[in-house]
Amino acid sequence: SSKGGSTDEQTYNLLRKLRETAQSKVSQQTQLNSKVQQMFETVISKSNQQETV
């Protein structure tokens, strides 16, 4: 049943692509979260500096 084997291969390739896409999405989300965190810390430190003045 060579046809069944090719179907399994197609399914495997599709799942692999989906997993790679999901992993890249997660890494993008992580980068975005760290950028937002940096922005918050910058704003907070600036507001703290203004308070001490």
PDB file of N, CA and C in Angstrom:
ATOM      1  N   SER A   1       0.852  -1.198   0.000  1.00  0.00           N
ATOM      2  CA  SER A   1       0.000   0.000   0.000  1.00  0.00           C
ATOM      3  C   SER A   1       0.886   1.246   0.000  1.00  0.00           C
ATOM      4  N   SER A   2       1.439   1.550  -1.161  1.00  0.00           N
ATOM      5  CA  SER A   2       2.323   2.713  -1.258  1.00  0.00           C
ATOM      6  C   SER A   2       1.521   3.998  -1.084  1.00  0.00           C
ATOM      7  N   LYS A   3       0.223   3.946  -1.478  1.00  0.00           N
ATOM      8  CA  LYS A   3      -0.601   5.149  -1.376  1.00  0.00           C
ATOM      9  C   LYS A   3      -0.781   5.537   0.096  1.00  0.00           C
ATOM     10  N   GLY A   4      -0.992   4.534   0.951  1.00  0.00           N
ATOM     11  CA  GLY A   4      -1.150   4.817   2.372  1.00  0.00           C
ATOM     12  C   GLY A   4       0.120   5.429   2.944  1.00  0.00           C
ATOM     13  N   GLY A   5       1.265   4.930   2.496  1.00  0.00           N
ATOM     14  CA  GLY A   5       2.528   5.470   2.983  1.00  0.00           C
ATOM     15  C   GLY A   5       2.689   6.920   2.597  1.00  0.00           C
ATOM     16  N   SER A   6       2.332   7.275   1.366  1.00  0.00           N
ATOM     17  CA  SER A   6       2.486   8.658   0.926  1.00  0.00           C
ATOM     18  C   SER A   6       1.540   9.563   1.708  1.00  0.00           C
ATOM     19  N   THR A   7       0.345   9.052   2.025  1.00  0.00           N
ATOM     20  CA  THR A   7      -0.597   9.851   2.811  1.00  0.00           C
ATOM     21  C   THR A   7      -0.024  10.116   4.195  1.00  0.00           C
ATOM     22  N   ASP A   8       0.563   9.081   4.799  1.00  0.00           N
ATOM     23  CA  ASP A   8       1.185   9.267   6.112  1.00  0.00           C
ATOM     24  C   ASP A   8       2.292  10.307   6.024  1.00  0.00           C
ATOM     25  N   GLU A   9       3.058  10.254   4.934  1.00  0.00           N
ATOM     26  CA  GLU A   9       4.162  11.196   4.769  1.00  0.00           C
ATOM     27  C   GLU A   9       3.628  12.616   4.628  1.00  0.00           C
ATOM     28  N   GLN A  10       2.538  12.766   3.858  1.00  0.00           N
ATOM     29  CA  GLN A  10       1.934  14.090   3.696  1.00  0.00           C
ATOM     30  C   GLN A  10       1.446  14.616   5.039  1.00  0.00           C
ATOM     31  N   THR A  11       0.782  13.728   5.801  1.00  0.00           N
ATOM     32  CA  THR A  11       0.277  14.139   7.113  1.00  0.00           C
ATOM     33  C   THR A  11       1.424  14.541   8.018  1.00  0.00           C
ATOM     34  N   TYR A  12       2.507  13.753   7.993  1.00  0.00           N
ATOM     35  CA  TYR A  12       3.669  14.050   8.833  1.00  0.00           C
ATOM     36  C   TYR A  12       4.267  15.407   8.459  1.00  0.00           C
ATOM     37  N   ASN A  13       4.426  15.652   7.152  1.00  0.00           N
ATOM     38  CA  ASN A  13       4.988  16.924   6.702  1.00  0.00           C
ATOM     39  C   ASN A  13       4.096  18.084   7.107  1.00  0.00           C
ATOM     40  N   LEU A  14       2.779  17.894   6.987  1.00  0.00           N
ATOM     41  CA  LEU A  14       1.837  18.949   7.355  1.00  0.00           C
ATOM     42  C   LEU A  14       1.939  19.257   8.848  1.00  0.00           C
ATOM     43  N   LEU A  15       1.979  18.192   9.666  1.00  0.00           N
ATOM     44  CA  LEU A  15       2.093  18.394  11.110  1.00  0.00           C
ATOM     45  C   LEU A  15       3.406  19.082  11.455  1.00  0.00           C
ATOM     46  N   ARG A  16       4.483  18.708  10.746  1.00  0.00           N
ATOM     47  CA  ARG A  16       5.780  19.324  11.026  1.00  0.00           C
ATOM     48  C   ARG A  16       5.741  20.813  10.701  1.00  0.00           C
ATOM     49  N   LYS A  17       5.112  21.161   9.566  1.00  0.00           N
ATOM     50  CA  LYS A  17       4.994  22.572   9.192  1.00  0.00           C
ATOM     51  C   LYS A  17       4.168  23.330  10.222  1.00  0.00           C
ATOM     52  N   LEU A  18       3.070  22.717  10.663  1.00  0.00           N
ATOM     53  CA  LEU A  18       2.215  23.356  11.669  1.00  0.00           C
ATOM     54  C   LEU A  18       2.997  23.608  12.952  1.00  0.00           C
ATOM     55  N   ARG A  19       3.788  22.609  13.367  1.00  0.00           N
ATOM     56  CA  ARG A  19       4.556  22.756  14.600  1.00  0.00           C
ATOM     57  C   ARG A  19       5.607  23.854  14.456  1.00  0.00           C
ATOM     58  N   GLU A  20       6.284  23.901  13.294  1.00  0.00           N
ATOM     59  CA  GLU A  20       7.287  24.938  13.069  1.00  0.00           C
ATOM     60  C   GLU A  20       6.639  26.316  13.090  1.00  0.00           C
ATOM     61  N   THR A  21       5.455  26.428  12.457  1.00  0.00           N
ATOM     62  CA  THR A  21       4.745  27.711  12.445  1.00  0.00           C
ATOM     63  C   THR A  21       4.368  28.116  13.859  1.00  0.00           C
ATOM     64  N   ALA A  22       3.860  27.156  14.628  1.00  0.00           N
ATOM     65  CA  ALA A  22       3.458  27.452  16.006  1.00  0.00           C
ATOM     66  C   ALA A  22       4.660  27.885  16.827  1.00  0.00           C
ATOM     67  N   GLN A  23       5.803  27.211  16.647  1.00  0.00           N
ATOM     68  CA  GLN A  23       6.993  27.564  17.414  1.00  0.00           C
ATOM     69  C   GLN A  23       7.462  28.966  17.060  1.00  0.00           C
ATOM     70  N   SER A  24       7.426  29.332  15.772  1.00  0.00           N
ATOM     71  CA  SER A  24       7.861  30.670  15.379  1.00  0.00           C
ATOM     72  C   SER A  24       6.896  31.717  15.920  1.00  0.00           C
ATOM     73  N   LYS A  25       5.589  31.378  15.934  1.00  0.00           N
ATOM     74  CA  LYS A  25       4.605  32.298  16.502  1.00  0.00           C
ATOM     75  C   LYS A  25       4.893  32.523  17.989  1.00  0.00           C
ATOM     76  N   VAL A  26       5.207  31.436  18.697  1.00  0.00           N
ATOM     77  CA  VAL A  26       5.489  31.539  20.129  1.00  0.00           C
ATOM     78  C   VAL A  26       6.720  32.401  20.357  1.00  0.00           C
ATOM     79  N   SER A  27       7.768  32.215  19.545  1.00  0.00           N
ATOM     80  CA  SER A  27       8.979  33.009  19.736  1.00  0.00           C
ATOM     81  C   SER A  27       8.704  34.470  19.424  1.00  0.00           C
ATOM     82  N   GLN A  28       7.866  34.747  18.413  1.00  0.00           N
ATOM     83  CA  GLN A  28       7.491  36.129  18.113  1.00  0.00           C
ATOM     84  C   GLN A  28       6.747  36.734  19.296  1.00  0.00           C
ATOM     85  N   GLN A  29       5.830  35.961  19.878  1.00  0.00           N
ATOM     86  CA  GLN A  29       5.055  36.440  21.022  1.00  0.00           C
ATOM     87  C   GLN A  29       5.981  36.721  22.196  1.00  0.00           C
ATOM     88  N   THR A  30       6.976  35.839  22.401  1.00  0.00           N
ATOM     89  CA  THR A  30       7.918  36.033  23.504  1.00  0.00           C
ATOM     90  C   THR A  30       8.715  37.303  23.303  1.00  0.00           C
ATOM     91  N   GLN A  31       9.184  37.545  22.067  1.00  0.00           N
ATOM     92  CA  GLN A  31       9.928  38.765  21.774  1.00  0.00           C
ATOM     93  C   GLN A  31       9.054  39.987  22.019  1.00  0.00           C
ATOM     94  N   LEU A  32       7.793  39.901  21.600  1.00  0.00           N
ATOM     95  CA  LEU A  32       6.870  41.024  21.783  1.00  0.00           C
ATOM     96  C   LEU A  32       6.665  41.295  23.273  1.00  0.00           C
ATOM     97  N   ASN A  33       6.480  40.225  24.051  1.00  0.00           N
ATOM     98  CA  ASN A  33       6.281  40.392  25.490  1.00  0.00           C
ATOM     99  C   ASN A  33       7.487  41.061  26.132  1.00  0.00           C
ATOM    100  N   SER A  34       8.706  40.659  25.740  1.00  0.00           N
ATOM    101  CA  SER A  34       9.895  41.257  26.343  1.00  0.00           C
ATOM    102  C   SER A  34      10.018  42.719  25.942  1.00  0.00           C
ATOM    103  N   LYS A  35       9.629  43.058  24.701  1.00  0.00           N
ATOM    104  CA  LYS A  35       9.663  44.459  24.276  1.00  0.00           C
ATOM    105  C   LYS A  35       8.693  45.290  25.102  1.00  0.00           C
ATOM    106  N   VAL A  36       7.475  44.765  25.297  1.00  0.00           N
ATOM    107  CA  VAL A  36       6.477  45.480  26.102  1.00  0.00           C
ATOM    108  C   VAL A  36       6.986  45.638  27.530  1.00  0.00           C
ATOM    109  N   GLN A  37       7.598  44.582  28.062  1.00  0.00           N
ATOM    110  CA  GLN A  37       8.145  44.639  29.421  1.00  0.00           C
ATOM    111  C   GLN A  37       9.199  45.736  29.521  1.00  0.00           C
ATOM    112  N   GLN A  38      10.091  45.821  28.520  1.00  0.00           N
ATOM    113  CA  GLN A  38      11.125  46.854  28.520  1.00  0.00           C
ATOM    114  C   GLN A  38      10.492  48.237  28.475  1.00  0.00           C
ATOM    115  N   MET A  39       9.450  48.405  27.648  1.00  0.00           N
ATOM    116  CA  MET A  39       8.784  49.698  27.542  1.00  0.00           C
ATOM    117  C   MET A  39       8.178  50.091  28.891  1.00  0.00           C
ATOM    118  N   PHE A  40       7.520  49.132  29.544  1.00  0.00           N
ATOM    119  CA  PHE A  40       6.929  49.414  30.856  1.00  0.00           C
ATOM    120  C   PHE A  40       8.006  49.839  31.848  1.00  0.00           C
ATOM    121  N   GLU A  41       9.117  49.087  31.877  1.00  0.00           N
ATOM    122  CA  GLU A  41      10.183  49.401  32.831  1.00  0.00           C
ATOM    123  C   GLU A  41      10.765  50.778  32.549  1.00  0.00           C
ATOM    124  N   THR A  42      10.900  51.133  31.266  1.00  0.00           N
ATOM    125  CA  THR A  42      11.424  52.452  30.905  1.00  0.00           C
ATOM    126  C   THR A  42      10.490  53.544  31.394  1.00  0.00           C
ATOM    127  N   VAL A  43       9.192  53.364  31.144  1.00  0.00           N
ATOM    128  CA  VAL A  43       8.207  54.367  31.568  1.00  0.00           C
ATOM    129  C   VAL A  43       8.206  54.495  33.087  1.00  0.00           C
ATOM    130  N   ILE A  44       8.248  53.350  33.777  1.00  0.00           N
ATOM    131  CA  ILE A  44       8.221  53.370  35.244  1.00  0.00           C
ATOM    132  C   ILE A  44       9.459  54.072  35.784  1.00  0.00           C
ATOM    133  N   SER A  45      10.636  53.760  35.231  1.00  0.00           N
ATOM    134  CA  SER A  45      11.862  54.382  35.732  1.00  0.00           C
ATOM    135  C   SER A  45      11.839  55.881  35.467  1.00  0.00           C
ATOM    136  N   LYS A  46      11.293  56.301  34.325  1.00  0.00           N
ATOM    137  CA  LYS A  46      11.211  57.733  34.023  1.00  0.00           C
ATOM    138  C   LYS A  46      10.274  58.428  34.998  1.00  0.00           C
ATOM    139  N   SER A  47       9.132  57.817  35.285  1.00  0.00           N
ATOM    140  CA  SER A  47       8.178  58.435  36.214  1.00  0.00           C
ATOM    141  C   SER A  47       8.781  58.488  37.615  1.00  0.00           C
ATOM    142  N   ASN A  48       9.581  57.476  37.976  1.00  0.00           N
ATOM    143  CA  ASN A  48      10.233  57.490  39.283  1.00  0.00           C
ATOM    144  C   ASN A  48      11.250  58.620  39.356  1.00  0.00           C
ATOM    145  N   GLN A  49      11.983  58.849  38.269  1.00  0.00           N
ATOM    146  CA  GLN A  49      12.967  59.930  38.244  1.00  0.00           C
ATOM    147  C   GLN A  49      12.270  61.275  38.390  1.00  0.00           C
ATOM    148  N   GLN A  50      11.124  61.438  37.744  1.00  0.00           N
ATOM    149  CA  GLN A  50      10.398  62.701  37.825  1.00  0.00           C
ATOM    150  C   GLN A  50       9.907  62.941  39.253  1.00  0.00           C
ATOM    151  N   GLU A  51       9.535  61.873  39.946  1.00  0.00           N
ATOM    152  CA  GLU A  51       9.045  62.025  41.321  1.00  0.00           C
ATOM    153  C   GLU A  51      10.158  62.520  42.234  1.00  0.00           C
ATOM    154  N   THR A  52      11.381  62.015  42.041  1.00  0.00           N
ATOM    155  CA  THR A  52      12.480  62.393  42.925  1.00  0.00           C
ATOM    156  C   THR A  52      12.909  63.828  42.671  1.00  0.00           C
ATOM    157  N   VAL A  53      12.673  64.356  41.483  1.00  0.00           N
ATOM    158  CA  VAL A  53      13.098  65.732  41.177  1.00  0.00           C
ATOM    159  C   VAL A  53      12.261  66.726  41.980  1.00  0.00           C
TER     160      VAL A  53
END
